[in-house]
PDB file of N, CA and C in Angstrom:
ATOM      1  N   MET A   1      13.597  19.601  10.780  1.00  0.00           N
ATOM      2  CA  MET A   1      12.252  19.620  10.226  1.00  0.00           C
ATOM      3  C   MET A   1      12.246  20.637   9.095  1.00  0.00           C
ATOM      4  N   SER A   2      11.978  20.162   7.899  1.00  0.00           N
ATOM      5  CA  SER A   2      12.024  21.072   6.768  1.00  0.00           C
ATOM      6  C   SER A   2      10.645  21.387   6.183  1.00  0.00           C
ATOM      7  N   CYS A   3       9.632  20.563   6.433  1.00  0.00           N
ATOM      8  CA  CYS A   3       8.299  20.837   5.883  1.00  0.00           C
ATOM      9  C   CYS A   3       7.449  21.563   6.930  1.00  0.00           C
ATOM     10  N   PRO A   4       7.009  22.780   6.618  1.00  0.00           N
ATOM     11  CA  PRO A   4       6.219  23.537   7.592  1.00  0.00           C
ATOM     12  C   PRO A   4       4.801  23.011   7.782  1.00  0.00           C
ATOM     13  N   LEU A   5       4.297  22.217   6.849  1.00  0.00           N
ATOM     14  CA  LEU A   5       2.921  21.729   6.957  1.00  0.00           C
ATOM     15  C   LEU A   5       2.797  20.447   7.774  1.00  0.00           C
ATOM     16  N   CYS A   6       3.645  19.475   7.483  1.00  0.00           N
ATOM     17  CA  CYS A   6       3.483  18.172   8.132  1.00  0.00           C
ATOM     18  C   CYS A   6       4.593  17.842   9.122  1.00  0.00           C
ATOM     19  N   GLY A   7       5.622  18.675   9.203  1.00  0.00           N
ATOM     20  CA  GLY A   7       6.729  18.390  10.099  1.00  0.00           C
ATOM     21  C   GLY A   7       7.501  17.145   9.689  1.00  0.00           C
ATOM     22  N   ASP A   8       7.580  16.901   8.389  1.00  0.00           N
ATOM     23  CA  ASP A   8       8.279  15.744   7.811  1.00  0.00           C
ATOM     24  C   ASP A   8       7.641  14.410   8.180  1.00  0.00           C
ATOM     25  N   LYS A   9       6.347  14.420   8.457  1.00  0.00           N
ATOM     26  CA  LYS A   9       5.629  13.176   8.727  1.00  0.00           C
ATOM     27  C   LYS A   9       4.941  12.645   7.474  1.00  0.00           C
ATOM     28  N   GLY A  10       4.719  13.496   6.484  1.00  0.00           N
ATOM     29  CA  GLY A  10       4.093  13.070   5.241  1.00  0.00           C
ATOM     30  C   GLY A  10       2.587  13.262   5.212  1.00  0.00           C
ATOM     31  N   VAL A  11       1.981  13.442   6.379  1.00  0.00           N
ATOM     32  CA  VAL A  11       0.528  13.607   6.490  1.00  0.00           C
ATOM     33  C   VAL A  11       0.250  14.699   7.514  1.00  0.00           C
ATOM     34  N   PHE A  12      -0.752  15.519   7.227  1.00  0.00           N
ATOM     35  CA  PHE A  12      -1.160  16.484   8.243  1.00  0.00           C
ATOM     36  C   PHE A  12      -2.672  16.449   8.402  1.00  0.00           C
ATOM     37  N   LYS A  13      -3.116  16.807   9.608  1.00  0.00           N
ATOM     38  CA  LYS A  13      -4.520  16.744   9.991  1.00  0.00           C
ATOM     39  C   LYS A  13      -5.215  18.053   9.662  1.00  0.00           C
ATOM     40  N   ILE A  14      -6.450  17.964   9.199  1.00  0.00           N
ATOM     41  CA  ILE A  14      -7.240  19.145   8.872  1.00  0.00           C
ATOM     42  C   ILE A  14      -8.492  19.130   9.747  1.00  0.00           C
ATOM     43  N   CYS A  15      -8.579  20.099  10.641  1.00  0.00           N
ATOM     44  CA  CYS A  15      -9.744  20.231  11.517  1.00  0.00           C
ATOM     45  C   CYS A  15     -10.523  21.465  11.086  1.00  0.00           C
ATOM     46  N   TYR A  16     -11.820  21.323  10.980  1.00  0.00           N
ATOM     47  CA  TYR A  16     -12.673  22.416  10.537  1.00  0.00           C
ATOM     48  C   TYR A  16     -13.331  23.098  11.730  1.00  0.00           C
ATOM     49  N   ARG A  17     -13.460  24.403  11.659  1.00  0.00           N
ATOM     50  CA  ARG A  17     -14.069  25.177  12.755  1.00  0.00           C
ATOM     51  C   ARG A  17     -15.564  24.933  12.872  1.00  0.00           C
ATOM     52  N   ASP A  18     -16.204  24.555  11.769  1.00  0.00           N
ATOM     53  CA  ASP A  18     -17.654  24.354  11.803  1.00  0.00           C
ATOM     54  C   ASP A  18     -18.055  22.979  12.325  1.00  0.00           C
ATOM     55  N   GLY A  19     -17.076  22.165  12.745  1.00  0.00           N
ATOM     56  CA  GLY A  19     -17.379  20.859  13.311  1.00  0.00           C
ATOM     57  C   GLY A  19     -17.489  19.745  12.288  1.00  0.00           C
ATOM     58  N   SER A  20     -17.162  20.011  11.036  1.00  0.00           N
ATOM     59  CA  SER A  20     -17.174  18.961  10.016  1.00  0.00           C
ATOM     60  C   SER A  20     -16.160  17.888  10.397  1.00  0.00           C
ATOM     61  N   PRO A  21     -16.340  16.675   9.879  1.00  0.00           N
ATOM     62  CA  PRO A  21     -15.394  15.596  10.215  1.00  0.00           C
ATOM     63  C   PRO A  21     -13.957  15.939   9.822  1.00  0.00           C
ATOM     64  N   THR A  22     -13.018  15.451  10.614  1.00  0.00           N
ATOM     65  CA  THR A  22     -11.599  15.677  10.384  1.00  0.00           C
ATOM     66  C   THR A  22     -11.144  14.971   9.116  1.00  0.00           C
ATOM     67  N   HIS A  23     -10.269  15.622   8.370  1.00  0.00           N
ATOM     68  CA  HIS A  23      -9.638  15.021   7.204  1.00  0.00           C
ATOM     69  C   HIS A  23      -8.131  14.991   7.422  1.00  0.00           C
ATOM     70  N   TYR A  24      -7.464  14.181   6.635  1.00  0.00           N
ATOM     71  CA  TYR A  24      -6.008  14.104   6.641  1.00  0.00           C
ATOM     72  C   TYR A  24      -5.545  14.330   5.217  1.00  0.00           C
ATOM     73  N   ALA A  25      -4.446  15.061   5.062  1.00  0.00           N
ATOM     74  CA  ALA A  25      -3.910  15.345   3.730  1.00  0.00           C
ATOM     75  C   ALA A  25      -2.516  14.751   3.608  1.00  0.00           C
ATOM     76  N   VAL A  26      -2.268  14.090   2.483  1.00  0.00           N
ATOM     77  CA  VAL A  26      -0.946  13.547   2.190  1.00  0.00           C
ATOM     78  C   VAL A  26      -0.145  14.670   1.548  1.00  0.00           C
ATOM     79  N   CYS A  27       0.968  15.017   2.166  1.00  0.00           N
ATOM     80  CA  CYS A  27       1.787  16.151   1.760  1.00  0.00           C
ATOM     81  C   CYS A  27       2.572  15.853   0.479  1.00  0.00           C
ATOM     82  N   LEU A  28       3.183  16.890  -0.072  1.00  0.00           N
ATOM     83  CA  LEU A  28       4.007  16.762  -1.272  1.00  0.00           C
ATOM     84  C   LEU A  28       5.504  16.789  -0.965  1.00  0.00           C
ATOM     85  N   CYS A  29       5.864  16.791   0.324  1.00  0.00           N
ATOM     86  CA  CYS A  29       7.282  16.745   0.683  1.00  0.00           C
ATOM     87  C   CYS A  29       7.793  15.308   0.485  1.00  0.00           C
ATOM     88  N   GLN A  30       9.062  15.093   0.743  1.00  0.00           N
ATOM     89  CA  GLN A  30       9.658  13.775   0.479  1.00  0.00           C
ATOM     90  C   GLN A  30       8.956  12.640   1.236  1.00  0.00           C
ATOM     91  N   PRO A  31       8.675  12.758   2.546  1.00  0.00           N
ATOM     92  CA  PRO A  31       7.945  11.675   3.216  1.00  0.00           C
ATOM     93  C   PRO A  31       6.530  11.479   2.658  1.00  0.00           C
ATOM     94  N   GLY A  32       5.878  12.555   2.253  1.00  0.00           N
ATOM     95  CA  GLY A  32       4.548  12.445   1.651  1.00  0.00           C
ATOM     96  C   GLY A  32       4.589  11.741   0.306  1.00  0.00           C
ATOM     97  N   LEU A  33       5.616  12.039  -0.472  1.00  0.00           N
ATOM     98  CA  LEU A  33       5.768  11.359  -1.765  1.00  0.00           C
ATOM     99  C   LEU A  33       6.024   9.871  -1.563  1.00  0.00           C
ATOM    100  N   ALA A  34       6.746   9.519  -0.507  1.00  0.00           N
ATOM    101  CA  ALA A  34       6.974   8.099  -0.209  1.00  0.00           C
ATOM    102  C   ALA A  34       5.654   7.417   0.138  1.00  0.00           C
ATOM    103  N   LEU A  35       4.756   8.131   0.830  1.00  0.00           N
ATOM    104  CA  LEU A  35       3.445   7.563   1.161  1.00  0.00           C
ATOM    105  C   LEU A  35       2.568   7.375  -0.081  1.00  0.00           C
ATOM    106  N   ARG A  36       2.839   8.124  -1.122  1.00  0.00           N
ATOM    107  CA  ARG A  36       2.058   8.002  -2.354  1.00  0.00           C
ATOM    108  C   ARG A  36       2.544   6.842  -3.228  1.00  0.00           C
ATOM    109  N   ASN A  37       3.703   6.294  -2.900  1.00  0.00           N
ATOM    110  CA  ASN A  37       4.286   5.206  -3.670  1.00  0.00           C
ATOM    111  C   ASN A  37       3.418   3.947  -3.552  1.00  0.00           C
ATOM    112  N   ASP A  38       3.202   3.271  -4.667  1.00  0.00           N
ATOM    113  CA  ASP A  38       2.387   2.053  -4.649  1.00  0.00           C
ATOM    114  C   ASP A  38       3.182   0.825  -5.104  1.00  0.00           C
ATOM    115  N   ARG A  39       4.472   0.833  -4.841  1.00  0.00           N
ATOM    116  CA  ARG A  39       5.314  -0.289  -5.261  1.00  0.00           C
ATOM    117  C   ARG A  39       5.707  -1.162  -4.069  1.00  0.00           C
ATOM    118  N   ASN A  40       5.729  -2.461  -4.338  1.00  0.00           N
ATOM    119  CA  ASN A  40       6.222  -3.431  -3.376  1.00  0.00           C
ATOM    120  C   ASN A  40       7.058  -4.425  -4.171  1.00  0.00           C
ATOM    121  N   ALA A  41       8.288  -4.630  -3.770  1.00  0.00           N
ATOM    122  CA  ALA A  41       9.223  -5.482  -4.512  1.00  0.00           C
ATOM    123  C   ALA A  41       9.325  -5.020  -5.960  1.00  0.00           C
ATOM    124  N   ASN A  42       9.318  -3.692  -6.121  1.00  0.00           N
ATOM    125  CA  ASN A  42       9.443  -3.029  -7.426  1.00  0.00           C
ATOM    126  C   ASN A  42       8.304  -3.354  -8.391  1.00  0.00           C
ATOM    127  N   ARG A  43       7.167  -3.750  -7.881  1.00  0.00           N
ATOM    128  CA  ARG A  43       5.973  -3.976  -8.700  1.00  0.00           C
ATOM    129  C   ARG A  43       4.844  -3.120  -8.171  1.00  0.00           C
ATOM    130  N   ARG A  44       4.061  -2.598  -9.081  1.00  0.00           N
ATOM    131  CA  ARG A  44       2.918  -1.769  -8.676  1.00  0.00           C
ATOM    132  C   ARG A  44       1.834  -2.636  -8.040  1.00  0.00           C
ATOM    133  N   THR A  45       1.335  -2.176  -6.904  1.00  0.00           N
ATOM    134  CA  THR A  45       0.276  -2.906  -6.208  1.00  0.00           C
ATOM    135  C   THR A  45      -1.091  -2.274  -6.430  1.00  0.00           C
ATOM    136  N   GLY A  46      -1.105  -0.984  -6.774  1.00  0.00           N
ATOM    137  CA  GLY A  46      -2.372  -0.278  -6.901  1.00  0.00           C
ATOM    138  C   GLY A  46      -2.849   0.309  -5.581  1.00  0.00           C
ATOM    139  N   TYR A  47      -2.108   0.055  -4.513  1.00  0.00           N
ATOM    140  CA  TYR A  47      -2.457   0.553  -3.190  1.00  0.00           C
ATOM    141  C   TYR A  47      -1.295   1.371  -2.648  1.00  0.00           C
ATOM    142  N   PRO A  48      -1.431   2.690  -2.611  1.00  0.00           N
ATOM    143  CA  PRO A  48      -0.333   3.505  -2.089  1.00  0.00           C
ATOM    144  C   PRO A  48      -0.133   3.275  -0.593  1.00  0.00           C
ATOM    145  N   LEU A  49       1.061   3.584  -0.121  1.00  0.00           N
ATOM    146  CA  LEU A  49       1.429   3.351   1.278  1.00  0.00           C
ATOM    147  C   LEU A  49       0.555   4.138   2.247  1.00  0.00           C
ATOM    148  N   TRP A  50      -0.002   5.271   1.806  1.00  0.00           N
ATOM    149  CA  TRP A  50      -0.862   6.025   2.724  1.00  0.00           C
ATOM    150  C   TRP A  50      -2.097   5.217   3.101  1.00  0.00           C
ATOM    151  N   MET A  51      -2.525   4.284   2.247  1.00  0.00           N
ATOM    152  CA  MET A  51      -3.672   3.435   2.589  1.00  0.00           C
ATOM    153  C   MET A  51      -3.308   2.495   3.737  1.00  0.00           C
ATOM    154  N   ALA A  52      -2.089   1.982   3.728  1.00  0.00           N
ATOM    155  CA  ALA A  52      -1.631   1.130   4.831  1.00  0.00           C
ATOM    156  C   ALA A  52      -1.529   1.952   6.112  1.00  0.00           C
ATOM    157  N   TRP A  53      -1.028   3.199   5.982  1.00  0.00           N
ATOM    158  CA  TRP A  53      -0.956   4.079   7.144  1.00  0.00           C
ATOM    159  C   TRP A  53      -2.350   4.314   7.718  1.00  0.00           C
ATOM    160  N   ALA A  54      -3.307   4.616   6.850  1.00  0.00           N
ATOM    161  CA  ALA A  54      -4.675   4.885   7.309  1.00  0.00           C
ATOM    162  C   ALA A  54      -5.275   3.655   7.991  1.00  0.00           C
ATOM    163  N   ALA A  55      -5.048   2.483   7.431  1.00  0.00           N
ATOM    164  CA  ALA A  55      -5.566   1.262   8.038  1.00  0.00           C
ATOM    165  C   ALA A  55      -4.924   1.020   9.404  1.00  0.00           C
ATOM    166  N   ALA A  56      -3.620   1.241   9.508  1.00  0.00           N
ATOM    167  CA  ALA A  56      -2.924   1.041  10.781  1.00  0.00           C
ATOM    168  C   ALA A  56      -3.402   2.023  11.843  1.00  0.00           C
ATOM    169  N   GLU A  57      -3.760   3.225  11.432  1.00  0.00           N
ATOM    170  CA  GLU A  57      -4.238   4.247  12.362  1.00  0.00           C
ATOM    171  C   GLU A  57      -5.756   4.216  12.537  1.00  0.00           C
ATOM    172  N   ARG A  58      -6.404   3.268  11.865  1.00  0.00           N
ATOM    173  CA  ARG A  58      -7.870   3.127  11.899  1.00  0.00           C
ATOM    174  C   ARG A  58      -8.583   4.389  11.433  1.00  0.00           C
ATOM    175  N   ILE A  59      -8.099   4.892  10.312  1.00  0.00           N
ATOM    176  CA  ILE A  59      -8.672   6.087   9.687  1.00  0.00           C
ATOM    177  C   ILE A  59      -9.333   5.669   8.394  1.00  0.00           C
ATOM    178  N   ASP A  60     -10.549   6.127   8.163  1.00  0.00           N
ATOM    179  CA  ASP A  60     -11.263   5.816   6.932  1.00  0.00           C
ATOM    180  C   ASP A  60     -10.535   6.428   5.749  1.00  0.00           C
ATOM    181  N   CYS A  61     -10.267   5.633   4.734  1.00  0.00           N
ATOM    182  CA  CYS A  61      -9.538   6.113   3.552  1.00  0.00           C
ATOM    183  C   CYS A  61     -10.264   7.251   2.848  1.00  0.00           C
ATOM    184  N   GLN A  62     -11.566   7.332   3.005  1.00  0.00           N
ATOM    185  CA  GLN A  62     -12.317   8.408   2.370  1.00  0.00           C
ATOM    186  C   GLN A  62     -12.083   9.754   3.041  1.00  0.00           C
ATOM    187  N   SER A  63     -11.491   9.748   4.231  1.00  0.00           N
ATOM    188  CA  SER A  63     -11.191  11.021   4.899  1.00  0.00           C
ATOM    189  C   SER A  63      -9.764  11.475   4.623  1.00  0.00           C
ATOM    190  N   VAL A  64      -9.052  10.773   3.736  1.00  0.00           N
ATOM    191  CA  VAL A  64      -7.694  11.151   3.356  1.00  0.00           C
ATOM    192  C   VAL A  64      -7.725  11.754   1.961  1.00  0.00           C
ATOM    193  N   VAL A  65      -7.143  12.945   1.818  1.00  0.00           N
ATOM    194  CA  VAL A  65      -7.093  13.632   0.523  1.00  0.00           C
ATOM    195  C   VAL A  65      -5.642  13.997   0.220  1.00  0.00           C
ATOM    196  N   MET A  66      -5.377  14.370  -0.995  1.00  0.00           N
ATOM    197  CA  MET A  66      -4.052  14.822  -1.380  1.00  0.00           C
ATOM    198  C   MET A  66      -3.951  16.322  -1.110  1.00  0.00           C
ATOM    199  N   ALA A  67      -2.795  16.771  -0.661  1.00  0.00           N
ATOM    200  CA  ALA A  67      -2.597  18.166  -0.264  1.00  0.00           C
ATOM    201  C   ALA A  67      -2.923  19.135  -1.393  1.00  0.00           C
ATOM    202  N   GLU A  68      -2.600  18.762  -2.621  1.00  0.00           N
ATOM    203  CA  GLU A  68      -2.827  19.676  -3.739  1.00  0.00           C
ATOM    204  C   GLU A  68      -4.309  19.925  -4.006  1.00  0.00           C
ATOM    205  N   GLU A  69      -5.189  19.090  -3.455  1.00  0.00           N
ATOM    206  CA  GLU A  69      -6.629  19.302  -3.594  1.00  0.00           C
ATOM    207  C   GLU A  69      -7.138  20.398  -2.660  1.00  0.00           C
ATOM    208  N   LEU A  70      -6.398  20.662  -1.590  1.00  0.00           N
ATOM    209  CA  LEU A  70      -6.854  21.622  -0.581  1.00  0.00           C
ATOM    210  C   LEU A  70      -6.103  22.945  -0.579  1.00  0.00           C
ATOM    211  N   LEU A  71      -4.838  22.916  -0.943  1.00  0.00           N
ATOM    212  CA  LEU A  71      -3.991  24.094  -0.809  1.00  0.00           C
ATOM    213  C   LEU A  71      -3.941  24.899  -2.094  1.00  0.00           C
ATOM    214  N   ASP A  72      -3.754  26.210  -1.947  1.00  0.00           N
ATOM    215  CA  ASP A  72      -3.595  27.053  -3.133  1.00  0.00           C
ATOM    216  C   ASP A  72      -2.120  27.071  -3.540  1.00  0.00           C
ATOM    217  N   ASP A  73      -1.814  27.736  -4.640  1.00  0.00           N
ATOM    218  CA  ASP A  73      -0.455  27.743  -5.183  1.00  0.00           C
ATOM    219  C   ASP A  73       0.560  28.351  -4.221  1.00  0.00           C
ATOM    220  N   THR A  74       0.161  29.371  -3.461  1.00  0.00           N
ATOM    221  CA  THR A  74       1.073  30.005  -2.513  1.00  0.00           C
ATOM    222  C   THR A  74       1.458  29.035  -1.406  1.00  0.00           C
ATOM    223  N   GLU A  75       0.478  28.302  -0.886  1.00  0.00           N
ATOM    224  CA  GLU A  75       0.750  27.337   0.177  1.00  0.00           C
ATOM    225  C   GLU A  75       1.563  26.155  -0.346  1.00  0.00           C
ATOM    226  N   LEU A  76       1.269  25.729  -1.560  1.00  0.00           N
ATOM    227  CA  LEU A  76       2.019  24.619  -2.153  1.00  0.00           C
ATOM    228  C   LEU A  76       3.480  24.985  -2.395  1.00  0.00           C
ATOM    229  N   ALA A  77       3.743  26.258  -2.657  1.00  0.00           N
ATOM    230  CA  ALA A  77       5.116  26.701  -2.911  1.00  0.00           C
ATOM    231  C   ALA A  77       5.984  26.613  -1.654  1.00  0.00           C
ATOM    232  N   GLN A  78       5.386  26.562  -0.466  1.00  0.00           N
ATOM    233  CA  GLN A  78       6.138  26.472   0.788  1.00  0.00           C
ATOM    234  C   GLN A  78       6.648  25.069   1.072  1.00  0.00           C
ATOM    235  N   ILE A  79       6.137  24.071   0.373  1.00  0.00           N
ATOM    236  CA  ILE A  79       6.498  22.685   0.648  1.00  0.00           C
ATOM    237  C   ILE A  79       7.806  22.337  -0.051  1.00  0.00           C
ATOM    238  N   PRO A  80       8.810  21.900   0.707  1.00  0.00           N
ATOM    239  CA  PRO A  80      10.059  21.464   0.073  1.00  0.00           C
ATOM    240  C   PRO A  80       9.838  20.120  -0.596  1.00  0.00           C
ATOM    241  N   ARG A  81      10.055  20.077  -1.884  1.00  0.00           N
ATOM    242  CA  ARG A  81       9.800  18.839  -2.625  1.00  0.00           C
ATOM    243  C   ARG A  81      11.099  18.125  -2.918  1.00  0.00           C
ATOM    244  N   GLY A  82      11.010  16.824  -2.938  1.00  0.00           N
ATOM    245  CA  GLY A  82      12.182  16.013  -3.220  1.00  0.00           C
ATOM    246  C   GLY A  82      11.793  14.814  -4.045  1.00  0.00           C
ATOM    247  N   PRO A  83      12.773  14.039  -4.467  1.00  0.00           N
ATOM    248  CA  PRO A  83      12.476  12.844  -5.258  1.00  0.00           C
ATOM    249  C   PRO A  83      11.837  11.767  -4.393  1.00  0.00           C
ATOM    250  N   ILE A  84      11.089  10.879  -5.015  1.00  0.00           N
ATOM    251  CA  ILE A  84      10.495   9.758  -4.295  1.00  0.00           C
ATOM    252  C   ILE A  84      11.615   8.791  -3.943  1.00  0.00           C
ATOM    253  N   THR A  85      11.716   8.486  -2.672  1.00  0.00           N
ATOM    254  CA  THR A  85      12.720   7.524  -2.239  1.00  0.00           C
ATOM    255  C   THR A  85      11.999   6.385  -1.558  1.00  0.00           C
ATOM    256  N   THR A  86      12.141   5.201  -2.070  1.00  0.00           N
ATOM    257  CA  THR A  86      11.452   4.065  -1.475  1.00  0.00           C
ATOM    258  C   THR A  86      12.358   3.398  -0.468  1.00  0.00           C
ATOM    259  N   GLY A  87      11.816   3.134   0.693  1.00  0.00           N
ATOM    260  CA  GLY A  87      12.542   2.416   1.717  1.00  0.00           C
ATOM    261  C   GLY A  87      13.438   3.267   2.594  1.00  0.00           C
ATOM    262  N   THR A  88      13.500   4.579   2.389  1.00  0.00           N
ATOM    263  CA  THR A  88      14.386   5.383   3.220  1.00  0.00           C
ATOM    264  C   THR A  88      13.641   6.351   4.119  1.00  0.00           C
ATOM    265  N   SER A  89      12.371   6.588   3.892  1.00  0.00           N
ATOM    266  CA  SER A  89      11.673   7.549   4.746  1.00  0.00           C
ATOM    267  C   SER A  89      11.347   6.928   6.099  1.00  0.00           C
ATOM    268  N   GLU A  90      11.258   7.762   7.106  1.00  0.00           N
ATOM    269  CA  GLU A  90      10.950   7.284   8.443  1.00  0.00           C
ATOM    270  C   GLU A  90       9.572   6.634   8.492  1.00  0.00           C
ATOM    271  N   ILE A  91       8.629   7.186   7.759  1.00  0.00           N
ATOM    272  CA  ILE A  91       7.273   6.652   7.783  1.00  0.00           C
ATOM    273  C   ILE A  91       7.233   5.272   7.150  1.00  0.00           C
ATOM    274  N   ALA A  92       7.889   5.105   6.020  1.00  0.00           N
ATOM    275  CA  ALA A  92       7.912   3.800   5.364  1.00  0.00           C
ATOM    276  C   ALA A  92       8.589   2.764   6.252  1.00  0.00           C
ATOM    277  N   ASP A  93       9.668   3.150   6.933  1.00  0.00           N
ATOM    278  CA  ASP A  93      10.355   2.234   7.839  1.00  0.00           C
ATOM    279  C   ASP A  93       9.452   1.862   9.015  1.00  0.00           C
ATOM    280  N   ALA A  94       8.748   2.840   9.536  1.00  0.00           N
ATOM    281  CA  ALA A  94       7.847   2.573  10.656  1.00  0.00           C
ATOM    282  C   ALA A  94       6.707   1.650  10.242  1.00  0.00           C
ATOM    283  N   MET A  95       6.190   1.814   9.037  1.00  0.00           N
ATOM    284  CA  MET A  95       5.101   0.961   8.565  1.00  0.00           C
ATOM    285  C   MET A  95       5.579  -0.485   8.407  1.00  0.00           C
ATOM    286  N   ARG A  96       6.830  -0.690   8.047  1.00  0.00           N
ATOM    287  CA  ARG A  96       7.349  -2.040   7.878  1.00  0.00           C
ATOM    288  C   ARG A  96       7.517  -2.758   9.218  1.00  0.00           C
ATOM    289  N   THR A  97       7.806  -2.008  10.269  1.00  0.00           N
ATOM    290  CA  THR A  97       8.077  -2.630  11.560  1.00  0.00           C
ATOM    291  C   THR A  97       6.867  -2.639  12.491  1.00  0.00           C
ATOM    292  N   ARG A  98       5.840  -1.920  12.152  1.00  0.00           N
ATOM    293  CA  ARG A  98       4.673  -1.842  13.023  1.00  0.00           C
ATOM    294  C   ARG A  98       3.794  -3.069  12.872  1.00  0.00           C
ATOM    295  N   ARG A  99       3.345  -3.602  13.973  1.00  0.00           N
ATOM    296  CA  ARG A  99       2.457  -4.759  13.939  1.00  0.00           C
ATOM    297  C   ARG A  99       1.020  -4.284  13.875  1.00  0.00           C
ATOM    298  N   ALA A 100       0.221  -4.988  13.148  1.00  0.00           N
ATOM    299  CA  ALA A 100      -1.203  -4.653  13.025  1.00  0.00           C
ATOM    300  C   ALA A 100      -1.920  -4.925  14.347  1.00  0.00           C
ATOM    301  N   ARG A 101      -2.853  -4.054  14.681  1.00  0.00           N
ATOM    302  CA  ARG A 101      -3.670  -4.256  15.873  1.00  0.00           C
ATOM    303  C   ARG A 101      -4.853  -5.139  15.527  1.00  0.00           C
ATOM    304  N   LEU A 102      -5.095  -6.137  16.326  1.00  0.00           N
ATOM    305  CA  LEU A 102      -6.237  -7.031  16.090  1.00  0.00           C
ATOM    306  C   LEU A 102      -7.324  -6.795  17.088  1.00  0.00           C
TER     307      LEU A 102
END
């Protein structure tokens, strides 16, 4: 596990002490960058993979934000960044094999 924020899952949960609704942040580590990818068969779809993740987990897309919107520069510096790799991250592989719940 190399990312201290998301544990190499690409997304981390944000819970507020004041009882505000929970948010999820897409990380800037390699699995998070894979979730930001919007390509399918090497063509842009306009829908990043995190939207498919949110739909599969039944999470409202409006409660998902990008990590850089919430974290300061010091916290962002802790995230190990890597190149975007399509088709090799565990999350992308799991999304391809997971069946939709009806």
